[in-house]
N, C-alpha and C. Protein backbone atom coordinates (compact mmCIF):
# COMPACT_ATOMS: atom_id res chain seq x y z
N UNK A 1 16.98 -71.88 101.27
CA UNK A 1 17.12 -70.57 100.67
C UNK A 1 17.63 -69.61 101.72
N UNK A 2 18.77 -69.04 101.46
CA UNK A 2 19.33 -68.10 102.42
C UNK A 2 19.07 -66.68 101.96
N UNK A 3 18.72 -65.88 102.90
CA UNK A 3 18.52 -64.46 102.59
C UNK A 3 19.53 -63.67 103.38
N UNK A 4 20.12 -62.73 102.73
CA UNK A 4 21.09 -61.90 103.44
C UNK A 4 20.38 -60.71 104.02
N UNK A 5 20.61 -60.49 105.26
CA UNK A 5 19.99 -59.37 105.95
C UNK A 5 20.89 -58.15 105.80
N UNK A 6 20.56 -57.30 104.85
CA UNK A 6 21.38 -56.12 104.60
C UNK A 6 20.82 -54.87 105.25
N UNK A 7 19.81 -55.05 106.08
CA UNK A 7 19.30 -53.86 106.76
C UNK A 7 20.27 -53.50 107.87
N UNK A 8 20.73 -52.29 107.81
CA UNK A 8 21.68 -51.83 108.82
C UNK A 8 20.93 -51.15 109.95
N UNK A 9 21.65 -50.87 110.99
CA UNK A 9 21.06 -50.16 112.11
C UNK A 9 20.63 -48.77 111.66
N UNK A 10 19.62 -48.22 112.29
CA UNK A 10 19.19 -46.87 111.90
C UNK A 10 20.33 -45.88 112.07
N UNK A 11 20.38 -44.91 111.17
CA UNK A 11 21.42 -43.89 111.25
C UNK A 11 21.17 -43.02 112.46
N UNK A 12 22.24 -42.48 113.06
CA UNK A 12 22.05 -41.58 114.19
C UNK A 12 21.24 -40.36 113.77
N UNK A 13 20.62 -39.73 114.75
CA UNK A 13 19.76 -38.57 114.48
C UNK A 13 20.50 -37.48 113.71
N UNK A 14 21.79 -37.29 113.99
CA UNK A 14 22.53 -36.22 113.33
C UNK A 14 22.64 -36.44 111.83
N UNK A 15 22.50 -37.66 111.40
CA UNK A 15 22.68 -37.96 109.97
C UNK A 15 21.38 -37.92 109.19
N UNK A 16 20.26 -38.03 109.86
CA UNK A 16 19.00 -38.10 109.15
C UNK A 16 18.09 -36.91 109.40
N UNK A 17 18.46 -36.06 110.32
CA UNK A 17 17.59 -34.95 110.70
C UNK A 17 17.66 -33.80 109.71
N UNK A 18 16.54 -33.18 109.48
CA UNK A 18 16.48 -31.98 108.65
C UNK A 18 16.29 -30.80 109.59
N UNK A 19 17.13 -29.78 109.41
CA UNK A 19 17.02 -28.59 110.25
C UNK A 19 16.46 -27.43 109.44
N UNK A 20 15.80 -26.53 110.12
CA UNK A 20 15.23 -25.37 109.47
C UNK A 20 16.18 -24.19 109.59
N UNK A 21 15.85 -23.09 108.94
CA UNK A 21 16.72 -21.93 108.85
C UNK A 21 17.13 -21.38 110.21
N UNK A 22 16.19 -21.32 111.15
CA UNK A 22 16.49 -20.76 112.47
C UNK A 22 17.61 -21.56 113.15
N UNK A 23 17.54 -22.87 113.09
CA UNK A 23 18.58 -23.71 113.70
C UNK A 23 19.88 -23.62 112.90
N UNK A 24 19.78 -23.52 111.58
CA UNK A 24 20.97 -23.40 110.74
C UNK A 24 21.74 -22.12 111.08
N UNK A 25 21.02 -21.02 111.26
CA UNK A 25 21.70 -19.76 111.59
C UNK A 25 22.41 -19.85 112.94
N UNK A 26 21.78 -20.51 113.91
CA UNK A 26 22.43 -20.68 115.22
C UNK A 26 23.65 -21.59 115.11
N UNK A 27 23.54 -22.61 114.30
CA UNK A 27 24.60 -23.62 114.19
C UNK A 27 25.85 -23.07 113.51
N UNK A 28 25.67 -22.31 112.42
CA UNK A 28 26.84 -21.85 111.67
C UNK A 28 27.20 -20.39 111.92
N UNK A 29 26.34 -19.67 112.63
CA UNK A 29 26.67 -18.30 112.99
C UNK A 29 26.60 -17.30 111.85
N UNK A 30 25.83 -17.61 110.82
CA UNK A 30 25.63 -16.69 109.70
C UNK A 30 24.19 -16.22 109.69
N UNK A 31 23.95 -15.02 109.19
CA UNK A 31 22.59 -14.50 109.11
C UNK A 31 21.84 -15.15 107.95
N UNK A 32 20.52 -14.96 107.97
CA UNK A 32 19.67 -15.50 106.91
C UNK A 32 20.12 -15.00 105.54
N UNK A 33 20.38 -13.70 105.43
CA UNK A 33 20.75 -13.15 104.13
C UNK A 33 22.10 -13.68 103.66
N UNK A 34 23.03 -13.88 104.58
CA UNK A 34 24.34 -14.42 104.20
C UNK A 34 24.22 -15.87 103.75
N UNK A 35 23.35 -16.63 104.41
CA UNK A 35 23.13 -18.02 104.00
C UNK A 35 22.60 -18.07 102.57
N UNK A 36 21.61 -17.24 102.27
CA UNK A 36 21.07 -17.24 100.91
C UNK A 36 22.08 -16.69 99.90
N UNK A 37 22.94 -15.77 100.33
CA UNK A 37 24.02 -15.30 99.45
C UNK A 37 24.98 -16.44 99.14
N UNK A 38 25.27 -17.29 100.12
CA UNK A 38 26.17 -18.43 99.91
C UNK A 38 25.61 -19.40 98.87
N UNK A 39 24.29 -19.43 98.73
CA UNK A 39 23.64 -20.34 97.77
C UNK A 39 23.41 -19.70 96.40
N UNK A 40 23.58 -18.39 96.29
CA UNK A 40 23.28 -17.67 95.06
C UNK A 40 24.53 -17.53 94.19
N UNK A 41 24.55 -18.18 93.01
CA UNK A 41 25.73 -18.11 92.14
C UNK A 41 26.07 -16.69 91.67
N UNK A 42 25.12 -15.78 91.71
CA UNK A 42 25.37 -14.40 91.28
C UNK A 42 25.94 -13.52 92.39
N UNK A 43 25.99 -14.04 93.59
CA UNK A 43 26.48 -13.26 94.74
C UNK A 43 27.99 -13.37 94.85
N UNK A 44 28.60 -12.32 95.36
CA UNK A 44 30.05 -12.37 95.59
C UNK A 44 30.38 -13.28 96.77
N UNK A 45 29.39 -13.60 97.59
CA UNK A 45 29.58 -14.50 98.73
C UNK A 45 29.27 -15.96 98.37
N UNK A 46 29.00 -16.25 97.12
CA UNK A 46 28.62 -17.60 96.69
C UNK A 46 29.68 -18.62 97.11
N UNK A 47 29.21 -19.72 97.67
CA UNK A 47 30.08 -20.82 98.09
C UNK A 47 29.51 -22.11 97.50
N UNK A 48 30.14 -22.65 96.44
CA UNK A 48 29.60 -23.86 95.82
C UNK A 48 29.60 -25.07 96.74
N UNK A 49 30.37 -25.02 97.81
CA UNK A 49 30.40 -26.16 98.73
C UNK A 49 29.32 -26.07 99.81
N UNK A 50 28.60 -24.94 99.86
CA UNK A 50 27.58 -24.78 100.89
C UNK A 50 26.45 -25.78 100.65
N UNK A 51 25.94 -26.41 101.72
CA UNK A 51 24.89 -27.43 101.56
C UNK A 51 23.64 -26.88 100.87
N UNK A 52 23.09 -27.66 99.98
CA UNK A 52 21.87 -27.28 99.26
C UNK A 52 20.65 -27.52 100.14
N UNK A 53 19.67 -26.65 100.08
CA UNK A 53 18.45 -26.87 100.86
C UNK A 53 17.59 -27.98 100.26
N UNK A 54 16.76 -28.56 101.11
CA UNK A 54 15.81 -29.60 100.70
C UNK A 54 14.43 -28.96 100.73
N UNK A 55 13.69 -29.08 99.65
CA UNK A 55 12.34 -28.51 99.59
C UNK A 55 11.40 -29.39 100.42
N UNK A 56 10.75 -28.77 101.40
CA UNK A 56 9.86 -29.51 102.29
C UNK A 56 8.39 -29.31 101.94
N UNK A 57 8.09 -28.23 101.29
CA UNK A 57 6.71 -27.91 100.94
C UNK A 57 6.72 -26.78 99.93
N UNK A 58 5.58 -26.16 99.74
CA UNK A 58 5.50 -25.08 98.76
C UNK A 58 6.38 -23.90 99.12
N UNK A 59 6.45 -23.57 100.38
CA UNK A 59 7.22 -22.38 100.78
C UNK A 59 8.16 -22.68 101.95
N UNK A 60 8.60 -23.92 102.06
CA UNK A 60 9.49 -24.25 103.18
C UNK A 60 10.66 -25.11 102.71
N UNK A 61 11.81 -24.85 103.31
CA UNK A 61 13.00 -25.62 103.01
C UNK A 61 13.70 -25.99 104.31
N UNK A 62 14.56 -26.97 104.22
CA UNK A 62 15.37 -27.38 105.35
C UNK A 62 16.71 -27.84 104.83
N UNK A 63 17.62 -28.12 105.73
CA UNK A 63 18.95 -28.58 105.36
C UNK A 63 19.24 -29.88 106.09
N UNK A 64 19.92 -30.80 105.41
CA UNK A 64 20.32 -32.06 106.01
C UNK A 64 21.41 -31.77 107.03
N UNK A 65 21.19 -32.15 108.27
CA UNK A 65 22.13 -31.84 109.34
C UNK A 65 23.51 -32.45 109.09
N UNK A 66 23.57 -33.65 108.54
CA UNK A 66 24.88 -34.27 108.30
C UNK A 66 25.66 -33.50 107.23
N UNK A 67 24.98 -32.96 106.22
CA UNK A 67 25.66 -32.16 105.20
C UNK A 67 26.17 -30.85 105.80
N UNK A 68 25.38 -30.26 106.67
CA UNK A 68 25.79 -29.01 107.33
C UNK A 68 27.01 -29.28 108.21
N UNK A 69 26.98 -30.37 108.97
CA UNK A 69 28.11 -30.69 109.85
C UNK A 69 29.37 -30.98 109.04
N UNK A 70 29.22 -31.64 107.89
CA UNK A 70 30.37 -31.91 107.02
C UNK A 70 30.92 -30.60 106.46
N UNK A 71 30.04 -29.66 106.10
CA UNK A 71 30.48 -28.37 105.59
C UNK A 71 31.25 -27.61 106.67
N UNK A 72 30.73 -27.63 107.89
CA UNK A 72 31.41 -26.96 109.00
C UNK A 72 32.79 -27.57 109.21
N UNK A 73 32.87 -28.90 109.17
CA UNK A 73 34.15 -29.58 109.38
C UNK A 73 35.15 -29.27 108.28
N UNK A 74 34.67 -28.97 107.09
CA UNK A 74 35.56 -28.69 105.96
C UNK A 74 36.09 -27.26 105.94
N UNK A 75 35.52 -26.40 106.78
CA UNK A 75 35.93 -24.99 106.80
C UNK A 75 37.30 -24.87 107.45
N UNK A 76 38.12 -23.92 106.99
CA UNK A 76 39.41 -23.71 107.64
C UNK A 76 39.19 -23.25 109.08
N UNK A 77 39.99 -23.78 109.95
CA UNK A 77 39.88 -23.42 111.36
C UNK A 77 40.75 -22.21 111.66
N UNK A 78 40.24 -21.33 112.46
CA UNK A 78 41.02 -20.16 112.87
C UNK A 78 42.08 -20.60 113.88
N UNK A 79 43.22 -20.02 113.79
CA UNK A 79 44.28 -20.33 114.73
C UNK A 79 44.22 -19.33 115.86
N UNK A 80 44.37 -19.79 117.08
CA UNK A 80 44.33 -18.84 118.20
C UNK A 80 45.47 -17.83 118.11
N UNK A 81 45.18 -16.63 118.50
CA UNK A 81 46.19 -15.57 118.48
C UNK A 81 46.98 -15.69 119.79
N UNK A 82 48.27 -15.79 119.67
CA UNK A 82 49.09 -15.87 120.87
C UNK A 82 49.61 -14.48 121.20
N UNK A 83 49.47 -14.12 122.43
CA UNK A 83 49.91 -12.81 122.89
C UNK A 83 51.22 -13.01 123.65
N UNK A 84 52.21 -12.28 123.24
CA UNK A 84 53.50 -12.34 123.93
C UNK A 84 53.75 -11.02 124.65
N UNK A 85 54.23 -11.13 125.86
CA UNK A 85 54.54 -9.92 126.63
C UNK A 85 56.03 -9.66 126.50
N UNK A 86 56.35 -8.45 126.21
CA UNK A 86 57.77 -8.09 126.07
C UNK A 86 58.25 -7.29 127.22
């Protein structure tokens, strides 16, 4: 009887870690209120692609770090401003 071993190596920490709001604000550079505006469909700042929070307890939430990193990677990148001297 052969059994296939389909257990893969553990995922890297960046893919399985849950981050809290304080770390999220540092990582993406947005304030707490702007983050919650991005999640609120009634807000003019609503972003349907923004990562959804994970409920951790009665009054606590976190975000999947891999989803946050994917969201950051999907954002348009700013182009450096070139200064020309005349």
